[in-house]
Amino acid sequence: DDQFVRGITETVRLASNFTTVYFYRFSYAGDLGLYPSQKRVHEGVGHTEELNYMWNRETNIKNPSQDDLTTRRRLVKLWTNFMKMSDPTPESDELLQDVQWIPSSPHNSTYLDIGKKLIIGNDLEKYSISWWKKLYKKYAIPPLDTY
């Protein structure tokens, strides 16, 4: 949480003051996210693992599961919609489970959890982030070079 989530959520909060921000967490732990020589040894998904779903790489597994292929199609659709229309979910779409991805705002940290299902959430890792903020407030010596 301290390495990624805290900094990302603060960046989303700050950036959403000036531009539209679609915040997401990729939580789908499929085989296509790994290289063929890898095995999932920890629970959860690794940093940038979603890139293996978006780009066909030589290192991708040869026979991905149906769930892996569905996740790939969803990611490509979301990103393509965003590039074309500045909105990843401009209309109801069965592939995207008719989800309406709402942009984050400085006071409402809405995000899309991209797992086996697409789920809209608020305040990603709220309690963990709160704990880190209290820790930094109590022990850190300003000026800080991190969130």
C-alpha atoms as a PDB file:
ATOM      1  CA  ASP A   1       0.000   0.000   0.000  1.00  0.00           C
ATOM      2  CA  ASP A   2       2.769   2.415   0.869  1.00  0.00           C
ATOM      3  CA  GLN A   3       4.692   1.730  -2.352  1.00  0.00           C
ATOM      4  CA  PHE A   4       1.826   2.272  -4.805  1.00  0.00           C
ATOM      5  CA  VAL A   5      -1.683   2.844  -3.479  1.00  0.00           C
ATOM      6  CA  ARG A   6      -1.007   5.832  -1.245  1.00  0.00           C
ATOM      7  CA  GLY A   7       0.862   7.794  -3.896  1.00  0.00           C
ATOM      8  CA  ILE A   8      -1.562   6.872  -6.655  1.00  0.00           C
ATOM      9  CA  THR A   9      -4.650   7.872  -4.665  1.00  0.00           C
ATOM     10  CA  GLU A  10      -3.086  11.220  -3.759  1.00  0.00           C
ATOM     11  CA  THR A  11      -2.121  11.814  -7.399  1.00  0.00           C
ATOM     12  CA  VAL A  12      -5.705  11.027  -8.452  1.00  0.00           C
ATOM     13  CA  ARG A  13      -7.049  13.460  -5.843  1.00  0.00           C
ATOM     14  CA  LEU A  14      -4.726  16.260  -6.965  1.00  0.00           C
ATOM     15  CA  ALA A  15      -5.089  15.679 -10.724  1.00  0.00           C
ATOM     16  CA  SER A  16      -8.885  15.478 -10.520  1.00  0.00           C
ATOM     17  CA  ASN A  17      -8.879  19.158  -9.514  1.00  0.00           C
ATOM     18  CA  PHE A  18      -7.763  19.990 -13.055  1.00  0.00           C
ATOM     19  CA  THR A  19      -8.800  17.169 -15.393  1.00  0.00           C
ATOM     20  CA  THR A  20     -11.035  14.130 -15.748  1.00  0.00           C
ATOM     21  CA  VAL A  21      -9.474  11.109 -14.038  1.00  0.00           C
ATOM     22  CA  TYR A  22     -10.688   7.536 -14.481  1.00  0.00           C
ATOM     23  CA  PHE A  23      -9.116   5.614 -11.605  1.00  0.00           C
ATOM     24  CA  TYR A  24      -8.891   1.806 -11.629  1.00  0.00           C
ATOM     25  CA  ARG A  25      -7.471  -1.155  -9.783  1.00  0.00           C
ATOM     26  CA  PHE A  26      -6.621  -4.255 -11.804  1.00  0.00           C
ATOM     27  CA  SER A  27      -7.362  -7.222  -9.531  1.00  0.00           C
ATOM     28  CA  TYR A  28      -7.906 -10.034 -12.039  1.00  0.00           C
ATOM     29  CA  ALA A  29      -5.342 -12.729 -11.219  1.00  0.00           C
ATOM     30  CA  GLY A  30      -5.301 -14.807 -14.390  1.00  0.00           C
ATOM     31  CA  ASP A  31      -2.586 -16.770 -16.148  1.00  0.00           C
ATOM     32  CA  LEU A  32      -2.275 -14.336 -19.052  1.00  0.00           C
ATOM     33  CA  GLY A  33      -0.882 -11.741 -16.656  1.00  0.00           C
ATOM     34  CA  LEU A  34       2.113 -13.940 -15.917  1.00  0.00           C
ATOM     35  CA  TYR A  35       4.980 -14.971 -18.146  1.00  0.00           C
ATOM     36  CA  PRO A  36       4.922 -18.694 -19.042  1.00  0.00           C
ATOM     37  CA  SER A  37       7.880 -19.398 -16.749  1.00  0.00           C
ATOM     38  CA  GLN A  38       6.191 -17.721 -13.749  1.00  0.00           C
ATOM     39  CA  LYS A  39       3.886 -19.123 -11.113  1.00  0.00           C
ATOM     40  CA  ARG A  40       1.698 -17.019  -8.858  1.00  0.00           C
ATOM     41  CA  VAL A  41       3.359 -17.310  -5.444  1.00  0.00           C
ATOM     42  CA  HIS A  42       1.577 -14.431  -3.712  1.00  0.00           C
ATOM     43  CA  GLU A  43      -2.088 -13.616  -3.523  1.00  0.00           C
ATOM     44  CA  GLY A  44      -3.069 -10.722  -5.750  1.00  0.00           C
ATOM     45  CA  VAL A  45      -1.841  -9.147  -8.936  1.00  0.00           C
ATOM     46  CA  GLY A  46       1.557  -7.666  -9.682  1.00  0.00           C
ATOM     47  CA  HIS A  47       2.326  -4.101 -10.722  1.00  0.00           C
ATOM     48  CA  THR A  48       1.654  -3.570 -14.486  1.00  0.00           C
ATOM     49  CA  GLU A  49       0.261  -7.097 -14.897  1.00  0.00           C
ATOM     50  CA  GLU A  50      -2.663  -5.687 -16.908  1.00  0.00           C
ATOM     51  CA  LEU A  51      -0.252  -4.816 -19.720  1.00  0.00           C
ATOM     52  CA  ASN A  52      -0.012  -8.509 -20.625  1.00  0.00           C
ATOM     53  CA  TYR A  53      -3.769  -8.434 -21.269  1.00  0.00           C
ATOM     54  CA  MET A  54      -3.649  -5.337 -23.429  1.00  0.00           C
ATOM     55  CA  TRP A  55      -0.698  -6.210 -25.618  1.00  0.00           C
ATOM     56  CA  ASN A  56      -0.074  -9.510 -27.363  1.00  0.00           C
ATOM     57  CA  ARG A  57       3.465 -10.402 -26.389  1.00  0.00           C
ATOM     58  CA  GLU A  58       5.738 -13.228 -27.423  1.00  0.00           C
ATOM     59  CA  THR A  59       5.894 -14.162 -23.760  1.00  0.00           C
ATOM     60  CA  ASN A  60       2.106 -14.585 -23.360  1.00  0.00           C
ATOM     61  CA  ILE A  61       0.799 -18.065 -22.671  1.00  0.00           C
ATOM     62  CA  LYS A  62      -0.368 -19.867 -25.799  1.00  0.00           C
ATOM     63  CA  ASN A  63      -3.849 -21.017 -24.706  1.00  0.00           C
ATOM     64  CA  PRO A  64      -5.409 -18.423 -22.397  1.00  0.00           C
ATOM     65  CA  SER A  65      -8.595 -19.285 -20.516  1.00  0.00           C
ATOM     66  CA  GLN A  66     -11.982 -17.872 -21.481  1.00  0.00           C
ATOM     67  CA  ASP A  67     -11.857 -15.578 -18.429  1.00  0.00           C
ATOM     68  CA  ASP A  68      -8.427 -14.298 -19.522  1.00  0.00           C
ATOM     69  CA  LEU A  69      -9.757 -13.582 -23.022  1.00  0.00           C
ATOM     70  CA  THR A  70     -12.845 -11.821 -21.628  1.00  0.00           C
ATOM     71  CA  THR A  71     -10.624  -9.682 -19.398  1.00  0.00           C
ATOM     72  CA  ARG A  72      -8.455  -8.827 -22.411  1.00  0.00           C
ATOM     73  CA  ARG A  73     -11.492  -7.832 -24.483  1.00  0.00           C
ATOM     74  CA  ARG A  74     -12.794  -5.680 -21.620  1.00  0.00           C
ATOM     75  CA  LEU A  75      -9.512  -3.819 -21.167  1.00  0.00           C
ATOM     76  CA  VAL A  76      -9.149  -3.174 -24.888  1.00  0.00           C
ATOM     77  CA  LYS A  77     -12.762  -1.955 -25.080  1.00  0.00           C
ATOM     78  CA  LEU A  78     -12.396   0.365 -22.057  1.00  0.00           C
ATOM     79  CA  TRP A  79      -9.140   1.886 -23.303  1.00  0.00           C
ATOM     80  CA  THR A  80     -10.373   2.177 -26.915  1.00  0.00           C
ATOM     81  CA  ASN A  81     -13.595   3.879 -25.799  1.00  0.00           C
ATOM     82  CA  PHE A  82     -11.561   6.309 -23.720  1.00  0.00           C
ATOM     83  CA  MET A  83      -9.246   7.140 -26.633  1.00  0.00           C
ATOM     84  CA  LYS A  84     -12.138   7.646 -29.055  1.00  0.00           C
ATOM     85  CA  MET A  85     -14.727   9.330 -26.828  1.00  0.00           C
ATOM     86  CA  SER A  86     -12.865  10.448 -23.674  1.00  0.00           C
ATOM     87  CA  ASP A  87     -15.171   8.098 -21.748  1.00  0.00           C
ATOM     88  CA  PRO A  88     -14.387   4.398 -21.159  1.00  0.00           C
ATOM     89  CA  THR A  89     -18.100   3.545 -20.745  1.00  0.00           C
ATOM     90  CA  PRO A  90     -20.015   5.968 -22.994  1.00  0.00           C
ATOM     91  CA  GLU A  91     -22.985   3.607 -23.351  1.00  0.00           C
ATOM     92  CA  SER A  92     -24.391   0.417 -21.911  1.00  0.00           C
ATOM     93  CA  ASP A  93     -22.356  -2.592 -23.060  1.00  0.00           C
ATOM     94  CA  GLU A  94     -22.899  -6.246 -22.146  1.00  0.00           C
ATOM     95  CA  LEU A  95     -19.169  -7.055 -22.383  1.00  0.00           C
ATOM     96  CA  LEU A  96     -18.550  -4.313 -19.811  1.00  0.00           C
ATOM     97  CA  GLN A  97     -21.406  -5.628 -17.643  1.00  0.00           C
ATOM     98  CA  ASP A  98     -23.332  -2.386 -18.273  1.00  0.00           C
ATOM     99  CA  VAL A  99     -21.078  -0.622 -15.769  1.00  0.00           C
ATOM    100  CA  GLN A 100     -20.948   3.193 -15.713  1.00  0.00           C
ATOM    101  CA  TRP A 101     -17.375   4.205 -14.828  1.00  0.00           C
ATOM    102  CA  ILE A 102     -17.587   7.545 -13.056  1.00  0.00           C
ATOM    103  CA  PRO A 103     -14.536   9.815 -12.928  1.00  0.00           C
ATOM    104  CA  SER A 104     -12.904  10.512  -9.581  1.00  0.00           C
ATOM    105  CA  SER A 105     -13.125  13.935  -8.016  1.00  0.00           C
ATOM    106  CA  PRO A 106     -11.085  15.585  -5.260  1.00  0.00           C
ATOM    107  CA  HIS A 107     -13.753  14.639  -2.708  1.00  0.00           C
ATOM    108  CA  ASN A 108     -14.980  11.342  -4.199  1.00  0.00           C
ATOM    109  CA  SER A 109     -12.337   8.768  -5.073  1.00  0.00           C
ATOM    110  CA  THR A 110     -14.435   6.564  -7.349  1.00  0.00           C
ATOM    111  CA  TYR A 111     -12.601   3.711  -9.071  1.00  0.00           C
ATOM    112  CA  LEU A 112     -13.305   0.689 -11.253  1.00  0.00           C
ATOM    113  CA  ASP A 113     -12.111  -2.631  -9.882  1.00  0.00           C
ATOM    114  CA  ILE A 114     -11.223  -4.746 -12.907  1.00  0.00           C
ATOM    115  CA  GLY A 115     -11.452  -8.309 -11.676  1.00  0.00           C
ATOM    116  CA  LYS A 116     -13.441 -11.288 -12.895  1.00  0.00           C
ATOM    117  CA  LYS A 117     -16.314  -8.820 -12.606  1.00  0.00           C
ATOM    118  CA  LEU A 118     -16.240  -5.062 -13.088  1.00  0.00           C
ATOM    119  CA  ILE A 119     -17.172  -3.317  -9.841  1.00  0.00           C
ATOM    120  CA  ILE A 120     -17.383   0.398  -9.045  1.00  0.00           C
ATOM    121  CA  GLY A 121     -15.822   1.262  -5.684  1.00  0.00           C
ATOM    122  CA  ASN A 122     -15.045   4.297  -3.549  1.00  0.00           C
ATOM    123  CA  ASP A 123     -12.005   5.222  -1.469  1.00  0.00           C
ATOM    124  CA  LEU A 124      -9.575   2.471  -2.477  1.00  0.00           C
ATOM    125  CA  GLU A 125      -7.870   1.001   0.597  1.00  0.00           C
ATOM    126  CA  LYS A 126      -9.367   3.768   2.754  1.00  0.00           C
ATOM    127  CA  TYR A 127      -8.294   2.347   6.128  1.00  0.00           C
ATOM    128  CA  SER A 128      -4.776   1.495   5.036  1.00  0.00           C
ATOM    129  CA  ILE A 129      -4.261   4.950   3.552  1.00  0.00           C
ATOM    130  CA  SER A 130      -5.629   6.554   6.716  1.00  0.00           C
ATOM    131  CA  TRP A 131      -3.130   4.541   8.784  1.00  0.00           C
ATOM    132  CA  TRP A 132      -0.213   5.649   6.591  1.00  0.00           C
ATOM    133  CA  LYS A 133      -1.305   9.306   6.745  1.00  0.00           C
ATOM    134  CA  LYS A 134      -1.401   9.168  10.556  1.00  0.00           C
ATOM    135  CA  LEU A 135       2.021   7.523  10.642  1.00  0.00           C
ATOM    136  CA  TYR A 136       3.573  10.183   8.391  1.00  0.00           C
ATOM    137  CA  LYS A 137       1.880  12.997  10.314  1.00  0.00           C
ATOM    138  CA  LYS A 138       3.248  11.674  13.604  1.00  0.00           C
ATOM    139  CA  TYR A 139       6.787  10.648  12.619  1.00  0.00           C
ATOM    140  CA  ALA A 140       7.785  12.276   9.326  1.00  0.00           C
ATOM    141  CA  ILE A 141       9.909  15.396   9.294  1.00  0.00           C
ATOM    142  CA  PRO A 142       8.837  17.915   6.625  1.00  0.00           C
ATOM    143  CA  PRO A 143       9.457  18.747   3.904  1.00  0.00           C
ATOM    144  CA  LEU A 144       8.482  15.373   2.487  1.00  0.00           C
ATOM    145  CA  ASP A 145       9.324  14.132  -0.984  1.00  0.00           C
ATOM    146  CA  THR A 146       6.518  11.580  -0.966  1.00  0.00           C
ATOM    147  CA  TYR A 147       2.817  11.447  -0.194  1.00  0.00           C
END
